[in-house]
Amino acid sequence: RKWWSRIWWLEDTDPEYINEILEYSEHA
């Protein structure tokens, strides 16, 4: 969370990988 705004993901990154991060919460 602290570093999120400074991360640039390669465009080849798996969408399901990114989606799991976007869906994350304490009870995920």
PDB file of all heavy atoms in Angstrom:
ATOM      1  N   ARG A   1       0.824  -1.204   0.000  1.00  0.00           N
ATOM      2  CA  ARG A   1       0.000   0.000   0.000  1.00  0.00           C
ATOM      3  C   ARG A   1       0.866   1.265   0.000  1.00  0.00           C
ATOM      4  O   ARG A   1       0.570   2.234  -0.705  1.00  0.00           O
ATOM      5  CB  ARG A   1      -0.925  -0.011   1.211  1.00  0.00           C
ATOM      6  CG  ARG A   1      -1.966   1.106   1.168  1.00  0.00           C
ATOM      7  CD  ARG A   1      -2.958   0.953   2.306  1.00  0.00           C
ATOM      8  NE  ARG A   1      -4.076   1.862   2.174  1.00  0.00           N
ATOM      9  CZ  ARG A   1      -5.082   1.913   3.018  1.00  0.00           C
ATOM     10  NH1 ARG A   1      -5.122   1.069   4.060  1.00  0.00           N
ATOM     11  NH2 ARG A   1      -6.077   2.768   2.822  1.00  0.00           N
ATOM     12  N   LYS A   2       1.945   1.267   0.794  1.00  0.00           N
ATOM     13  CA  LYS A   2       2.818   2.429   0.883  1.00  0.00           C
ATOM     14  C   LYS A   2       3.461   2.759  -0.460  1.00  0.00           C
ATOM     15  O   LYS A   2       3.591   3.928  -0.840  1.00  0.00           O
ATOM     16  CB  LYS A   2       3.899   2.184   1.937  1.00  0.00           C
ATOM     17  CG  LYS A   2       4.929   3.313   2.027  1.00  0.00           C
ATOM     18  CD  LYS A   2       5.999   2.984   3.064  1.00  0.00           C
ATOM     19  CE  LYS A   2       7.075   4.074   3.101  1.00  0.00           C
ATOM     20  NZ  LYS A   2       8.145   3.747   4.092  1.00  0.00           N
ATOM     21  N   TRP A   3       3.879   1.718  -1.188  1.00  0.00           N
ATOM     22  CA  TRP A   3       4.634   1.918  -2.413  1.00  0.00           C
ATOM     23  C   TRP A   3       3.777   1.832  -3.666  1.00  0.00           C
ATOM     24  O   TRP A   3       4.296   1.989  -4.783  1.00  0.00           O
ATOM     25  CB  TRP A   3       5.759   0.874  -2.479  1.00  0.00           C
ATOM     26  CG  TRP A   3       6.854   1.129  -1.487  1.00  0.00           C
ATOM     27  CD1 TRP A   3       6.911   0.691  -0.191  1.00  0.00           C
ATOM     28  CD2 TRP A   3       8.027   1.890  -1.701  1.00  0.00           C
ATOM     29  NE1 TRP A   3       8.055   1.136   0.409  1.00  0.00           N
ATOM     30  CE2 TRP A   3       8.769   1.883  -0.495  1.00  0.00           C
ATOM     31  CE3 TRP A   3       8.549   2.594  -2.798  1.00  0.00           C
ATOM     32  CZ2 TRP A   3       9.990   2.540  -0.360  1.00  0.00           C
ATOM     33  CZ3 TRP A   3       9.762   3.250  -2.665  1.00  0.00           C
ATOM     34  CH2 TRP A   3      10.464   3.218  -1.454  1.00  0.00           C
ATOM     35  N   TRP A   4       2.483   1.590  -3.536  1.00  0.00           N
ATOM     36  CA  TRP A   4       1.619   1.334  -4.690  1.00  0.00           C
ATOM     37  C   TRP A   4       1.713   2.426  -5.761  1.00  0.00           C
ATOM     38  O   TRP A   4       1.797   2.131  -6.957  1.00  0.00           O
ATOM     39  CB  TRP A   4       0.167   1.175  -4.229  1.00  0.00           C
ATOM     40  CG  TRP A   4      -0.806   0.891  -5.336  1.00  0.00           C
ATOM     41  CD1 TRP A   4      -1.775   1.720  -5.830  1.00  0.00           C
ATOM     42  CD2 TRP A   4      -0.907  -0.314  -6.093  1.00  0.00           C
ATOM     43  NE1 TRP A   4      -2.477   1.104  -6.833  1.00  0.00           N
ATOM     44  CE2 TRP A   4      -1.950  -0.144  -7.030  1.00  0.00           C
ATOM     45  CE3 TRP A   4      -0.209  -1.526  -6.084  1.00  0.00           C
ATOM     46  CZ2 TRP A   4      -2.331  -1.133  -7.931  1.00  0.00           C
ATOM     47  CZ3 TRP A   4      -0.574  -2.512  -6.987  1.00  0.00           C
ATOM     48  CH2 TRP A   4      -1.628  -2.302  -7.906  1.00  0.00           C
ATOM     49  N   SER A   5       1.688   3.669  -5.367  1.00  0.00           N
ATOM     50  CA  SER A   5       1.685   4.768  -6.339  1.00  0.00           C
ATOM     51  C   SER A   5       2.997   4.904  -7.095  1.00  0.00           C
ATOM     52  O   SER A   5       3.067   5.610  -8.102  1.00  0.00           O
ATOM     53  CB  SER A   5       1.365   6.099  -5.644  1.00  0.00           C
ATOM     54  OG  SER A   5       2.368   6.433  -4.716  1.00  0.00           O
ATOM     55  N   ARG A   6       4.041   4.205  -6.622  1.00  0.00           N
ATOM     56  CA  ARG A   6       5.346   4.294  -7.270  1.00  0.00           C
ATOM     57  C   ARG A   6       5.699   3.035  -8.050  1.00  0.00           C
ATOM     58  O   ARG A   6       6.809   2.904  -8.540  1.00  0.00           O
ATOM     59  CB  ARG A   6       6.417   4.611  -6.219  1.00  0.00           C
ATOM     60  CG  ARG A   6       6.202   5.985  -5.576  1.00  0.00           C
ATOM     61  CD  ARG A   6       7.012   6.201  -4.339  1.00  0.00           C
ATOM     62  NE  ARG A   6       8.434   6.331  -4.609  1.00  0.00           N
ATOM     63  CZ  ARG A   6       9.344   6.603  -3.659  1.00  0.00           C
ATOM     64  NH1 ARG A   6       8.950   6.798  -2.399  1.00  0.00           N
ATOM     65  NH2 ARG A   6      10.622   6.707  -3.972  1.00  0.00           N
ATOM     66  N   ILE A   7       4.730   2.106  -8.143  1.00  0.00           N
ATOM     67  CA  ILE A   7       4.936   0.876  -8.915  1.00  0.00           C
ATOM     68  C   ILE A   7       4.396   1.058 -10.322  1.00  0.00           C
ATOM     69  O   ILE A   7       3.258   1.493 -10.522  1.00  0.00           O
ATOM     70  CB  ILE A   7       4.240  -0.337  -8.257  1.00  0.00           C
ATOM     71  CG1 ILE A   7       4.755  -0.561  -6.840  1.00  0.00           C
ATOM     72  CG2 ILE A   7       4.489  -1.606  -9.096  1.00  0.00           C
ATOM     73  CD1 ILE A   7       3.991  -1.639  -6.087  1.00  0.00           C
ATOM     74  N   TRP A   8       5.220   0.712 -11.296  1.00  0.00           N
ATOM     75  CA  TRP A   8       4.824   0.695 -12.699  1.00  0.00           C
ATOM     76  C   TRP A   8       4.932  -0.745 -13.182  1.00  0.00           C
ATOM     77  O   TRP A   8       5.995  -1.331 -13.199  1.00  0.00           O
ATOM     78  CB  TRP A   8       5.720   1.614 -13.536  1.00  0.00           C
ATOM     79  CG  TRP A   8       5.463   3.068 -13.246  1.00  0.00           C
ATOM     80  CD1 TRP A   8       5.877   3.767 -12.150  1.00  0.00           C
ATOM     81  CD2 TRP A   8       4.734   3.980 -14.043  1.00  0.00           C
ATOM     82  NE1 TRP A   8       5.441   5.067 -12.211  1.00  0.00           N
ATOM     83  CE2 TRP A   8       4.734   5.242 -13.375  1.00  0.00           C
ATOM     84  CE3 TRP A   8       4.058   3.884 -15.268  1.00  0.00           C
ATOM     85  CZ2 TRP A   8       4.098   6.363 -13.892  1.00  0.00           C
ATOM     86  CZ3 TRP A   8       3.423   5.005 -15.784  1.00  0.00           C
ATOM     87  CH2 TRP A   8       3.456   6.230 -15.097  1.00  0.00           C
ATOM     88  N   TRP A   9       3.787  -1.329 -13.566  1.00  0.00           N
ATOM     89  CA  TRP A   9       3.749  -2.734 -13.961  1.00  0.00           C
ATOM     90  C   TRP A   9       4.011  -2.873 -15.450  1.00  0.00           C
ATOM     91  O   TRP A   9       3.508  -2.098 -16.261  1.00  0.00           O
ATOM     92  CB  TRP A   9       2.376  -3.334 -13.625  1.00  0.00           C
ATOM     93  CG  TRP A   9       2.054  -3.310 -12.165  1.00  0.00           C
ATOM     94  CD1 TRP A   9       1.328  -2.368 -11.496  1.00  0.00           C
ATOM     95  CD2 TRP A   9       2.482  -4.255 -11.187  1.00  0.00           C
ATOM     96  NE1 TRP A   9       1.270  -2.671 -10.167  1.00  0.00           N
ATOM     97  CE2 TRP A   9       1.970  -3.828  -9.941  1.00  0.00           C
ATOM     98  CE3 TRP A   9       3.238  -5.430 -11.235  1.00  0.00           C
ATOM     99  CZ2 TRP A   9       2.184  -4.535  -8.761  1.00  0.00           C
ATOM    100  CZ3 TRP A   9       3.459  -6.135 -10.060  1.00  0.00           C
ATOM    101  CH2 TRP A   9       2.933  -5.686  -8.845  1.00  0.00           C
ATOM    102  N   LEU A  10       4.810  -3.869 -15.816  1.00  0.00           N
ATOM    103  CA  LEU A  10       4.982  -4.162 -17.233  1.00  0.00           C
ATOM    104  C   LEU A  10       3.634  -4.523 -17.836  1.00  0.00           C
ATOM    105  O   LEU A  10       2.822  -5.208 -17.207  1.00  0.00           O
ATOM    106  CB  LEU A  10       5.974  -5.312 -17.423  1.00  0.00           C
ATOM    107  CG  LEU A  10       7.438  -5.053 -17.039  1.00  0.00           C
ATOM    108  CD1 LEU A  10       8.285  -6.276 -17.404  1.00  0.00           C
ATOM    109  CD2 LEU A  10       7.997  -3.819 -17.734  1.00  0.00           C
ATOM    110  N   GLU A  11       3.405  -4.099 -19.073  1.00  0.00           N
ATOM    111  CA  GLU A  11       2.121  -4.345 -19.711  1.00  0.00           C
ATOM    112  C   GLU A  11       1.836  -5.832 -19.903  1.00  0.00           C
ATOM    113  O   GLU A  11       0.675  -6.227 -20.050  1.00  0.00           O
ATOM    114  CB  GLU A  11       2.056  -3.617 -21.058  1.00  0.00           C
ATOM    115  CG  GLU A  11       1.931  -2.107 -20.901  1.00  0.00           C
ATOM    116  CD  GLU A  11       1.814  -1.396 -22.222  1.00  0.00           C
ATOM    117  OE1 GLU A  11       2.040  -2.044 -23.276  1.00  0.00           O
ATOM    118  OE2 GLU A  11       1.525  -0.170 -22.226  1.00  0.00           O
ATOM    119  N   ASP A  12       2.880  -6.665 -19.886  1.00  0.00           N
ATOM    120  CA  ASP A  12       2.693  -8.110 -20.021  1.00  0.00           C
ATOM    121  C   ASP A  12       2.290  -8.784 -18.710  1.00  0.00           C
ATOM    122  O   ASP A  12       2.089 -10.003 -18.682  1.00  0.00           O
ATOM    123  CB  ASP A  12       3.966  -8.772 -20.552  1.00  0.00           C
ATOM    124  CG  ASP A  12       4.218  -8.437 -22.009  1.00  0.00           C
ATOM    125  OD1 ASP A  12       3.252  -8.070 -22.707  1.00  0.00           O
ATOM    126  OD2 ASP A  12       5.377  -8.544 -22.453  1.00  0.00           O
ATOM    127  N   THR A  13       2.179  -8.013 -17.639  1.00  0.00           N
ATOM    128  CA  THR A  13       1.753  -8.580 -16.363  1.00  0.00           C
ATOM    129  C   THR A  13       0.385  -9.235 -16.509  1.00  0.00           C
ATOM    130  O   THR A  13      -0.515  -8.708 -17.160  1.00  0.00           O
ATOM    131  CB  THR A  13       1.709  -7.495 -15.274  1.00  0.00           C
ATOM    132  OG1 THR A  13       3.045  -7.044 -15.027  1.00  0.00           O
ATOM    133  CG2 THR A  13       1.120  -8.028 -13.972  1.00  0.00           C
ATOM    134  N   ASP A  14       0.226 -10.393 -15.886  1.00  0.00           N
ATOM    135  CA  ASP A  14      -1.003 -11.169 -15.943  1.00  0.00           C
ATOM    136  C   ASP A  14      -2.173 -10.351 -15.373  1.00  0.00           C
ATOM    137  O   ASP A  14      -2.133  -9.910 -14.228  1.00  0.00           O
ATOM    138  CB  ASP A  14      -0.809 -12.450 -15.126  1.00  0.00           C
ATOM    139  CG  ASP A  14      -2.008 -13.374 -15.156  1.00  0.00           C
ATOM    140  OD1 ASP A  14      -3.011 -13.070 -15.823  1.00  0.00           O
ATOM    141  OD2 ASP A  14      -1.924 -14.434 -14.491  1.00  0.00           O
ATOM    142  N   PRO A  15      -3.243 -10.113 -16.155  1.00  0.00           N
ATOM    143  CA  PRO A  15      -4.386  -9.370 -15.615  1.00  0.00           C
ATOM    144  C   PRO A  15      -4.981  -9.987 -14.356  1.00  0.00           C
ATOM    145  O   PRO A  15      -5.458  -9.275 -13.469  1.00  0.00           O
ATOM    146  CB  PRO A  15      -5.399  -9.398 -16.764  1.00  0.00           C
ATOM    147  CG  PRO A  15      -4.574  -9.553 -17.987  1.00  0.00           C
ATOM    148  CD  PRO A  15      -3.408 -10.433 -17.579  1.00  0.00           C
ATOM    149  N   GLU A  16      -4.967 -11.320 -14.258  1.00  0.00           N
ATOM    150  CA  GLU A  16      -5.508 -11.962 -13.066  1.00  0.00           C
ATOM    151  C   GLU A  16      -4.652 -11.669 -11.831  1.00  0.00           C
ATOM    152  O   GLU A  16      -5.164 -11.607 -10.714  1.00  0.00           O
ATOM    153  CB  GLU A  16      -5.625 -13.475 -13.276  1.00  0.00           C
ATOM    154  CG  GLU A  16      -6.625 -13.872 -14.350  1.00  0.00           C
ATOM    155  CD  GLU A  16      -8.055 -13.459 -14.020  1.00  0.00           C
ATOM    156  OE1 GLU A  16      -8.354 -13.216 -12.830  1.00  0.00           O
ATOM    157  OE2 GLU A  16      -8.870 -13.353 -14.958  1.00  0.00           O
ATOM    158  N   TYR A  17      -3.355 -11.489 -12.031  1.00  0.00           N
ATOM    159  CA  TYR A  17      -2.464 -11.105 -10.935  1.00  0.00           C
ATOM    160  C   TYR A  17      -2.840  -9.715 -10.422  1.00  0.00           C
ATOM    161  O   TYR A  17      -3.008  -9.497  -9.221  1.00  0.00           O
ATOM    162  CB  TYR A  17      -1.019 -11.138 -11.440  1.00  0.00           C
ATOM    163  CG  TYR A  17       0.040 -10.699 -10.454  1.00  0.00           C
ATOM    164  CD1 TYR A  17       0.805 -11.630  -9.764  1.00  0.00           C
ATOM    165  CD2 TYR A  17       0.321  -9.351 -10.241  1.00  0.00           C
ATOM    166  CE1 TYR A  17       1.809 -11.238  -8.884  1.00  0.00           C
ATOM    167  CE2 TYR A  17       1.313  -8.941  -9.357  1.00  0.00           C
ATOM    168  CZ  TYR A  17       2.048  -9.888  -8.684  1.00  0.00           C
ATOM    169  OH  TYR A  17       3.044  -9.485  -7.803  1.00  0.00           O
ATOM    170  N   ILE A  18      -2.975  -8.759 -11.346  1.00  0.00           N
ATOM    171  CA  ILE A  18      -3.348  -7.396 -10.962  1.00  0.00           C
ATOM    172  C   ILE A  18      -4.752  -7.370 -10.361  1.00  0.00           C
ATOM    173  O   ILE A  18      -5.013  -6.682  -9.365  1.00  0.00           O
ATOM    174  CB  ILE A  18      -3.267  -6.438 -12.165  1.00  0.00           C
ATOM    175  CG1 ILE A  18      -1.830  -6.353 -12.698  1.00  0.00           C
ATOM    176  CG2 ILE A  18      -3.776  -5.055 -11.787  1.00  0.00           C
ATOM    177  CD1 ILE A  18      -0.862  -5.685 -11.763  1.00  0.00           C
ATOM    178  N   ASN A  19      -5.658  -8.127 -10.950  1.00  0.00           N
ATOM    179  CA  ASN A  19      -7.033  -8.134 -10.445  1.00  0.00           C
ATOM    180  C   ASN A  19      -7.090  -8.629  -9.006  1.00  0.00           C
ATOM    181  O   ASN A  19      -7.858  -8.108  -8.200  1.00  0.00           O
ATOM    182  CB  ASN A  19      -7.906  -9.017 -11.330  1.00  0.00           C
ATOM    183  CG  ASN A  19      -9.380  -8.834 -11.035  1.00  0.00           C
ATOM    184  OD1 ASN A  19      -9.891  -7.728 -11.061  1.00  0.00           O
ATOM    185  ND2 ASN A  19     -10.066  -9.919 -10.725  1.00  0.00           N
ATOM    186  N   GLU A  20      -6.290  -9.621  -8.674  1.00  0.00           N
ATOM    187  CA  GLU A  20      -6.284 -10.122  -7.296  1.00  0.00           C
ATOM    188  C   GLU A  20      -5.805  -9.045  -6.327  1.00  0.00           C
ATOM    189  O   GLU A  20      -6.303  -8.965  -5.204  1.00  0.00           O
ATOM    190  CB  GLU A  20      -5.396 -11.368  -7.187  1.00  0.00           C
ATOM    191  CG  GLU A  20      -5.540 -12.093  -5.854  1.00  0.00           C
ATOM    192  CD  GLU A  20      -4.763 -13.384  -5.795  1.00  0.00           C
ATOM    193  OE1 GLU A  20      -3.521 -13.346  -5.894  1.00  0.00           O
ATOM    194  OE2 GLU A  20      -5.393 -14.432  -5.640  1.00  0.00           O
ATOM    195  N   ILE A  21      -4.873  -8.209  -6.759  1.00  0.00           N
ATOM    196  CA  ILE A  21      -4.428  -7.097  -5.924  1.00  0.00           C
ATOM    197  C   ILE A  21      -5.546  -6.067  -5.776  1.00  0.00           C
ATOM    198  O   ILE A  21      -5.826  -5.585  -4.672  1.00  0.00           O
ATOM    199  CB  ILE A  21      -3.158  -6.443  -6.501  1.00  0.00           C
ATOM    200  CG1 ILE A  21      -1.985  -7.430  -6.435  1.00  0.00           C
ATOM    201  CG2 ILE A  21      -2.815  -5.161  -5.744  1.00  0.00           C
ATOM    202  CD1 ILE A  21      -0.699  -6.912  -7.069  1.00  0.00           C
ATOM    203  N   LEU A  22      -6.212  -5.722  -6.886  1.00  0.00           N
ATOM    204  CA  LEU A  22      -7.280  -4.730  -6.838  1.00  0.00           C
ATOM    205  C   LEU A  22      -8.451  -5.202  -5.979  1.00  0.00           C
ATOM    206  O   LEU A  22      -9.177  -4.394  -5.399  1.00  0.00           O
ATOM    207  CB  LEU A  22      -7.762  -4.411  -8.253  1.00  0.00           C
ATOM    208  CG  LEU A  22      -6.741  -3.776  -9.201  1.00  0.00           C
ATOM    209  CD1 LEU A  22      -7.366  -3.547 -10.570  1.00  0.00           C
ATOM    210  CD2 LEU A  22      -6.199  -2.479  -8.639  1.00  0.00           C
ATOM    211  N   GLU A  23      -8.638  -6.503  -5.907  1.00  0.00           N
ATOM    212  CA  GLU A  23      -9.732  -7.068  -5.124  1.00  0.00           C
ATOM    213  C   GLU A  23      -9.369  -7.274  -3.654  1.00  0.00           C
ATOM    214  O   GLU A  23     -10.225  -7.639  -2.856  1.00  0.00           O
ATOM    215  CB  GLU A  23     -10.139  -8.431  -5.700  1.00  0.00           C
ATOM    216  CG  GLU A  23     -10.777  -8.368  -7.057  1.00  0.00           C
ATOM    217  CD  GLU A  23     -12.106  -7.659  -7.027  1.00  0.00           C
ATOM    218  OE1 GLU A  23     -12.760  -7.658  -5.982  1.00  0.00           O
ATOM    219  OE2 GLU A  23     -12.480  -7.068  -8.048  1.00  0.00           O
ATOM    220  N   TYR A  24      -8.132  -7.010  -3.293  1.00  0.00           N
ATOM    221  CA  TYR A  24      -7.670  -7.368  -1.959  1.00  0.00           C
ATOM    222  C   TYR A  24      -8.289  -6.496  -0.866  1.00  0.00           C
ATOM    223  O   TYR A  24      -8.426  -5.284  -1.002  1.00  0.00           O
ATOM    224  CB  TYR A  24      -6.139  -7.272  -1.866  1.00  0.00           C
ATOM    225  CG  TYR A  24      -5.652  -7.648  -0.478  1.00  0.00           C
ATOM    226  CD1 TYR A  24      -5.619  -8.979  -0.074  1.00  0.00           C
ATOM    227  CD2 TYR A  24      -5.286  -6.669   0.434  1.00  0.00           C
ATOM    228  CE1 TYR A  24      -5.218  -9.328   1.203  1.00  0.00           C
ATOM    229  CE2 TYR A  24      -4.880  -7.011   1.715  1.00  0.00           C
ATOM    230  CZ  TYR A  24      -4.853  -8.344   2.095  1.00  0.00           C
ATOM    231  OH  TYR A  24      -4.471  -8.690   3.381  1.00  0.00           O
ATOM    232  N   SER A  25      -8.674  -7.149   0.201  1.00  0.00           N
ATOM    233  CA  SER A  25      -9.072  -6.494   1.442  1.00  0.00           C
ATOM    234  C   SER A  25      -8.664  -7.412   2.582  1.00  0.00           C
ATOM    235  O   SER A  25      -8.168  -8.522   2.355  1.00  0.00           O
ATOM    236  CB  SER A  25     -10.587  -6.247   1.484  1.00  0.00           C
ATOM    237  OG  SER A  25     -11.286  -7.487   1.573  1.00  0.00           O
ATOM    238  N   GLU A  26      -8.896  -6.975   3.797  1.00  0.00           N
ATOM    239  CA  GLU A  26      -8.482  -7.782   4.948  1.00  0.00           C
ATOM    240  C   GLU A  26      -9.131  -9.166   4.945  1.00  0.00           C
ATOM    241  O   GLU A  26      -8.551 -10.135   5.427  1.00  0.00           O
ATOM    242  CB  GLU A  26      -8.821  -7.057   6.253  1.00  0.00           C
ATOM    243  CG  GLU A  26      -8.322  -7.783   7.499  1.00  0.00           C
ATOM    244  CD  GLU A  26      -8.542  -7.003   8.778  1.00  0.00           C
ATOM    245  OE1 GLU A  26      -9.189  -5.925   8.710  1.00  0.00           O
ATOM    246  OE2 GLU A  26      -8.072  -7.441   9.837  1.00  0.00           O
ATOM    247  N   HIS A  27     -10.317  -9.254   4.369  1.00  0.00           N
ATOM    248  CA  HIS A  27     -11.061 -10.511   4.392  1.00  0.00           C
ATOM    249  C   HIS A  27     -11.103 -11.195   3.024  1.00  0.00           C
ATOM    250  O   HIS A  27     -11.946 -12.048   2.781  1.00  0.00           O
ATOM    251  CB  HIS A  27     -12.481 -10.260   4.896  1.00  0.00           C
ATOM    252  CG  HIS A  27     -12.536  -9.555   6.214  1.00  0.00           C
ATOM    253  ND1 HIS A  27     -12.094 -10.136   7.394  1.00  0.00           N
ATOM    254  CD2 HIS A  27     -12.948  -8.297   6.534  1.00  0.00           C
ATOM    255  CE1 HIS A  27     -12.245  -9.273   8.382  1.00  0.00           C
ATOM    256  NE2 HIS A  27     -12.759  -8.158   7.887  1.00  0.00           N
ATOM    257  N   ALA A  28     -10.187 -10.821   2.146  1.00  0.00           N
ATOM    258  CA  ALA A  28     -10.162 -11.407   0.810  1.00  0.00           C
ATOM    259  C   ALA A  28      -9.893 -12.906   0.872  1.00  0.00           C
ATOM    260  O   ALA A  28      -9.097 -13.382   1.685  1.00  0.00           O
ATOM    261  CB  ALA A  28      -9.095 -10.719  -0.043  1.00  0.00           C
TER     262      ALA A  28
END
